[in-house]
């Protein structure tokens, strides 16, 4: 797992080498442990898959996959930043 701060100051967690099963379980655990729900549609492009956002507890996380980051979660707000920091430090991602 890699945690970075993006150009706009938001937190991002990524798993470049994780497979689809890992990511599916990760998203399920985030929904169960943090009460997040899915919102949006899946969008495919040649080097990107944008998945429905995870929303709840005042936070919004963008989810998806791209050629550079692999599977990722990207915060869209301060509450999302705090959630990703907590998830990165909790060990609940592996």
N, C-alpha and C. Protein backbone atom coordinates (compact mmCIF):
# COMPACT_ATOMS: atom_id res chain seq x y z
N UNK A 1 0.83 -1.17 0.00
CA UNK A 1 0.00 0.00 0.00
C UNK A 1 0.88 1.24 0.00
N UNK A 2 0.45 2.21 -0.74
CA UNK A 2 1.15 3.49 -0.80
C UNK A 2 0.17 4.60 -0.43
N UNK A 3 0.57 5.47 0.51
CA UNK A 3 -0.26 6.63 0.85
C UNK A 3 0.46 7.87 0.39
N UNK A 4 -0.23 8.70 -0.38
CA UNK A 4 0.37 9.93 -0.90
C UNK A 4 -0.61 11.09 -0.75
N UNK A 5 -0.05 12.29 -0.82
CA UNK A 5 -0.85 13.49 -0.88
C UNK A 5 -0.83 13.95 -2.33
N UNK A 6 -1.99 14.14 -2.91
CA UNK A 6 -2.09 14.49 -4.33
C UNK A 6 -1.82 15.98 -4.54
N UNK A 7 -1.78 16.40 -5.78
CA UNK A 7 -1.48 17.79 -6.14
C UNK A 7 -2.47 18.77 -5.52
N UNK A 8 -3.71 18.32 -5.25
CA UNK A 8 -4.71 19.23 -4.66
C UNK A 8 -4.79 19.11 -3.14
N UNK A 9 -3.83 18.40 -2.54
CA UNK A 9 -3.76 18.28 -1.09
C UNK A 9 -4.58 17.16 -0.50
N UNK A 10 -5.24 16.35 -1.31
CA UNK A 10 -6.06 15.25 -0.82
C UNK A 10 -5.23 13.98 -0.65
N UNK A 11 -5.72 13.10 0.21
CA UNK A 11 -5.04 11.84 0.48
C UNK A 11 -5.45 10.78 -0.55
N UNK A 12 -4.48 9.92 -0.87
CA UNK A 12 -4.73 8.82 -1.80
C UNK A 12 -4.03 7.58 -1.29
N UNK A 13 -4.75 6.47 -1.28
CA UNK A 13 -4.17 5.17 -0.99
C UNK A 13 -4.20 4.37 -2.28
N UNK A 14 -3.11 3.67 -2.57
CA UNK A 14 -3.09 2.85 -3.78
C UNK A 14 -2.38 1.53 -3.51
N UNK A 15 -2.77 0.53 -4.30
CA UNK A 15 -2.22 -0.81 -4.21
C UNK A 15 -1.85 -1.24 -5.62
N UNK A 16 -0.64 -0.89 -6.10
CA UNK A 16 -0.27 -1.17 -7.49
C UNK A 16 -0.25 -2.64 -7.86
N UNK A 17 0.05 -3.51 -6.91
CA UNK A 17 0.20 -4.93 -7.22
C UNK A 17 -0.97 -5.78 -6.76
N UNK A 18 -2.00 -5.15 -6.19
CA UNK A 18 -3.13 -5.92 -5.68
C UNK A 18 -4.05 -6.36 -6.81
N UNK A 19 -4.57 -7.54 -6.66
CA UNK A 19 -5.49 -8.06 -7.66
C UNK A 19 -6.93 -7.65 -7.40
N UNK A 20 -7.81 -8.05 -8.29
CA UNK A 20 -9.22 -7.69 -8.21
C UNK A 20 -9.87 -8.23 -6.92
N UNK A 21 -9.55 -9.45 -6.53
CA UNK A 21 -10.14 -10.04 -5.33
C UNK A 21 -9.79 -9.23 -4.08
N UNK A 22 -8.52 -8.85 -3.95
CA UNK A 22 -8.10 -8.02 -2.81
C UNK A 22 -8.92 -6.74 -2.76
N UNK A 23 -9.03 -6.07 -3.89
CA UNK A 23 -9.72 -4.79 -3.93
C UNK A 23 -11.21 -4.94 -3.63
N UNK A 24 -11.82 -6.01 -4.12
CA UNK A 24 -13.22 -6.28 -3.83
C UNK A 24 -13.44 -6.46 -2.33
N UNK A 25 -12.56 -7.21 -1.69
CA UNK A 25 -12.66 -7.42 -0.24
C UNK A 25 -12.40 -6.12 0.52
N UNK A 26 -11.43 -5.33 0.07
CA UNK A 26 -11.14 -4.04 0.69
C UNK A 26 -12.38 -3.15 0.67
N UNK A 27 -13.02 -3.01 -0.49
CA UNK A 27 -14.20 -2.16 -0.60
C UNK A 27 -15.33 -2.68 0.27
N UNK A 28 -15.51 -3.99 0.34
CA UNK A 28 -16.53 -4.59 1.19
C UNK A 28 -16.26 -4.24 2.66
N UNK A 29 -15.00 -4.37 3.09
CA UNK A 29 -14.65 -4.05 4.49
C UNK A 29 -14.87 -2.58 4.80
N UNK A 30 -14.56 -1.70 3.87
CA UNK A 30 -14.81 -0.28 4.10
C UNK A 30 -16.31 -0.01 4.26
N UNK A 31 -17.12 -0.69 3.48
CA UNK A 31 -18.56 -0.53 3.59
C UNK A 31 -19.07 -1.04 4.93
N UNK A 32 -18.56 -2.18 5.38
CA UNK A 32 -19.00 -2.77 6.65
C UNK A 32 -18.43 -2.01 7.85
N UNK A 33 -17.14 -1.76 7.87
CA UNK A 33 -16.47 -1.15 9.03
C UNK A 33 -16.77 0.34 9.20
N UNK A 34 -16.97 1.05 8.09
CA UNK A 34 -17.13 2.50 8.16
C UNK A 34 -18.50 2.99 7.70
N UNK A 35 -19.38 2.07 7.35
CA UNK A 35 -20.73 2.44 6.97
C UNK A 35 -20.84 3.19 5.65
N UNK A 36 -19.88 2.98 4.76
CA UNK A 36 -19.91 3.67 3.47
C UNK A 36 -20.84 2.96 2.51
N UNK A 37 -21.40 3.71 1.57
CA UNK A 37 -22.25 3.13 0.54
C UNK A 37 -21.71 3.53 -0.84
N UNK A 38 -22.04 2.74 -1.85
CA UNK A 38 -21.59 3.03 -3.21
C UNK A 38 -22.53 4.03 -3.86
N UNK A 39 -21.96 4.95 -4.65
CA UNK A 39 -22.77 5.95 -5.34
C UNK A 39 -22.10 6.28 -6.67
N UNK A 40 -22.83 6.14 -7.75
CA UNK A 40 -22.30 6.46 -9.07
C UNK A 40 -22.29 5.27 -10.00
N UNK A 41 -21.58 5.44 -11.11
CA UNK A 41 -21.52 4.40 -12.14
C UNK A 41 -20.08 4.02 -12.42
N UNK A 42 -19.90 2.91 -13.12
CA UNK A 42 -18.58 2.48 -13.57
C UNK A 42 -18.32 3.10 -14.94
N UNK A 43 -17.12 3.67 -15.10
CA UNK A 43 -16.72 4.28 -16.38
C UNK A 43 -15.40 3.63 -16.80
N UNK A 44 -15.36 3.10 -18.01
CA UNK A 44 -14.16 2.46 -18.55
C UNK A 44 -13.49 3.36 -19.57
N UNK A 45 -12.17 3.40 -19.53
CA UNK A 45 -11.38 4.04 -20.58
C UNK A 45 -10.18 3.14 -20.83
N UNK A 46 -9.36 3.42 -21.83
CA UNK A 46 -8.25 2.51 -22.16
C UNK A 46 -7.26 2.27 -21.01
N UNK A 47 -7.01 3.27 -20.17
CA UNK A 47 -6.01 3.08 -19.11
C UNK A 47 -6.56 3.36 -17.72
N UNK A 48 -7.86 3.29 -17.56
CA UNK A 48 -8.53 3.72 -16.34
C UNK A 48 -9.86 3.01 -16.18
N UNK A 49 -10.23 2.69 -14.94
CA UNK A 49 -11.58 2.26 -14.63
C UNK A 49 -12.00 3.08 -13.42
N UNK A 50 -13.03 3.88 -13.59
CA UNK A 50 -13.55 4.68 -12.48
C UNK A 50 -14.75 3.93 -11.92
N UNK A 51 -14.67 3.58 -10.65
CA UNK A 51 -15.72 2.84 -9.98
C UNK A 51 -16.61 3.79 -9.19
N UNK A 52 -17.79 3.32 -8.77
CA UNK A 52 -18.65 4.18 -7.96
C UNK A 52 -17.93 4.66 -6.70
N UNK A 53 -18.22 5.91 -6.31
CA UNK A 53 -17.63 6.47 -5.09
C UNK A 53 -18.13 5.72 -3.86
N UNK A 54 -17.35 5.81 -2.78
CA UNK A 54 -17.79 5.37 -1.46
C UNK A 54 -18.17 6.63 -0.69
N UNK A 55 -19.38 6.66 -0.14
CA UNK A 55 -19.90 7.86 0.50
C UNK A 55 -20.49 7.49 1.86
N UNK A 56 -20.24 8.33 2.85
CA UNK A 56 -20.83 8.15 4.17
C UNK A 56 -20.04 8.86 5.24
N UNK A 57 -20.67 9.11 6.37
CA UNK A 57 -20.03 9.77 7.52
C UNK A 57 -19.38 11.09 7.11
N UNK A 58 -20.00 11.80 6.18
CA UNK A 58 -19.47 13.08 5.73
C UNK A 58 -18.30 12.99 4.78
N UNK A 59 -17.93 11.78 4.37
CA UNK A 59 -16.76 11.57 3.50
C UNK A 59 -17.19 11.07 2.13
N UNK A 60 -16.38 11.40 1.14
CA UNK A 60 -16.55 10.87 -0.21
C UNK A 60 -15.18 10.41 -0.70
N UNK A 61 -15.10 9.13 -1.10
CA UNK A 61 -13.87 8.56 -1.64
C UNK A 61 -14.10 8.12 -3.07
N UNK A 62 -13.27 8.60 -3.98
CA UNK A 62 -13.30 8.11 -5.35
C UNK A 62 -12.56 6.78 -5.36
N UNK A 63 -13.05 5.84 -6.15
CA UNK A 63 -12.42 4.52 -6.23
C UNK A 63 -12.19 4.16 -7.69
N UNK A 64 -11.15 3.36 -7.93
CA UNK A 64 -10.91 2.94 -9.30
C UNK A 64 -9.58 2.24 -9.47
N UNK A 65 -9.18 2.16 -10.73
CA UNK A 65 -7.93 1.53 -11.12
C UNK A 65 -7.34 2.32 -12.28
N UNK A 66 -6.02 2.50 -12.27
CA UNK A 66 -5.35 3.07 -13.44
C UNK A 66 -4.00 2.41 -13.62
N UNK A 67 -3.39 2.63 -14.80
CA UNK A 67 -2.12 1.99 -15.14
C UNK A 67 -0.97 2.36 -14.21
N UNK A 68 -1.02 3.53 -13.59
CA UNK A 68 0.09 4.01 -12.78
C UNK A 68 -0.05 3.64 -11.32
N UNK A 69 -1.25 3.77 -10.77
CA UNK A 69 -1.47 3.55 -9.34
C UNK A 69 -1.98 2.17 -9.01
N UNK A 70 -2.52 1.47 -9.98
CA UNK A 70 -3.22 0.23 -9.69
C UNK A 70 -4.57 0.59 -9.08
N UNK A 71 -5.02 -0.21 -8.13
CA UNK A 71 -6.27 0.08 -7.42
C UNK A 71 -6.04 1.25 -6.48
N UNK A 72 -7.02 2.15 -6.40
CA UNK A 72 -6.83 3.33 -5.55
C UNK A 72 -8.11 3.79 -4.88
N UNK A 73 -7.92 4.53 -3.79
CA UNK A 73 -8.96 5.30 -3.12
C UNK A 73 -8.45 6.72 -3.06
N UNK A 74 -9.25 7.69 -3.46
CA UNK A 74 -8.85 9.09 -3.48
C UNK A 74 -9.90 9.92 -2.77
N UNK A 75 -9.48 10.65 -1.75
CA UNK A 75 -10.40 11.49 -0.99
C UNK A 75 -10.83 12.70 -1.80
N UNK A 76 -12.08 13.11 -1.59
CA UNK A 76 -12.59 14.32 -2.23
C UNK A 76 -12.83 15.44 -1.21
N UNK A 77 -12.60 15.17 0.09
CA UNK A 77 -12.89 16.18 1.12
C UNK A 77 -12.07 15.89 2.38
N UNK A 78 -12.17 16.80 3.34
CA UNK A 78 -11.40 16.68 4.58
C UNK A 78 -11.78 15.43 5.36
N UNK A 79 -13.07 15.11 5.42
CA UNK A 79 -13.50 13.90 6.13
C UNK A 79 -12.92 12.66 5.46
N UNK A 80 -12.85 12.66 4.14
CA UNK A 80 -12.24 11.55 3.42
C UNK A 80 -10.75 11.43 3.70
N UNK A 81 -10.07 12.59 3.80
CA UNK A 81 -8.64 12.58 4.15
C UNK A 81 -8.43 11.89 5.49
N UNK A 82 -9.24 12.27 6.47
CA UNK A 82 -9.11 11.68 7.81
C UNK A 82 -9.41 10.19 7.79
N UNK A 83 -10.42 9.79 7.03
CA UNK A 83 -10.76 8.37 6.93
C UNK A 83 -9.63 7.58 6.31
N UNK A 84 -9.03 8.09 5.23
CA UNK A 84 -7.93 7.35 4.59
C UNK A 84 -6.72 7.27 5.50
N UNK A 85 -6.43 8.33 6.26
CA UNK A 85 -5.33 8.27 7.22
C UNK A 85 -5.60 7.20 8.28
N UNK A 86 -6.85 7.13 8.74
CA UNK A 86 -7.21 6.13 9.75
C UNK A 86 -7.10 4.71 9.17
N UNK A 87 -7.59 4.53 7.96
CA UNK A 87 -7.52 3.22 7.31
C UNK A 87 -6.06 2.80 7.10
N UNK A 88 -5.21 3.74 6.66
CA UNK A 88 -3.81 3.42 6.40
C UNK A 88 -3.09 3.02 7.69
N UNK A 89 -3.48 3.61 8.80
CA UNK A 89 -2.83 3.31 10.07
C UNK A 89 -3.43 2.15 10.82
N UNK A 90 -4.60 1.68 10.41
CA UNK A 90 -5.31 0.65 11.19
C UNK A 90 -4.95 -0.77 10.83
N UNK A 91 -4.39 -0.98 9.64
CA UNK A 91 -4.14 -2.36 9.21
C UNK A 91 -5.37 -3.02 8.65
N UNK A 92 -6.50 -2.32 8.51
CA UNK A 92 -7.73 -2.92 8.00
C UNK A 92 -7.71 -3.07 6.48
N UNK A 93 -6.62 -2.72 5.85
CA UNK A 93 -6.59 -2.81 4.39
C UNK A 93 -5.94 -4.08 3.90
N UNK A 94 -5.38 -4.87 4.77
CA UNK A 94 -4.72 -6.09 4.28
C UNK A 94 -5.27 -7.31 4.92
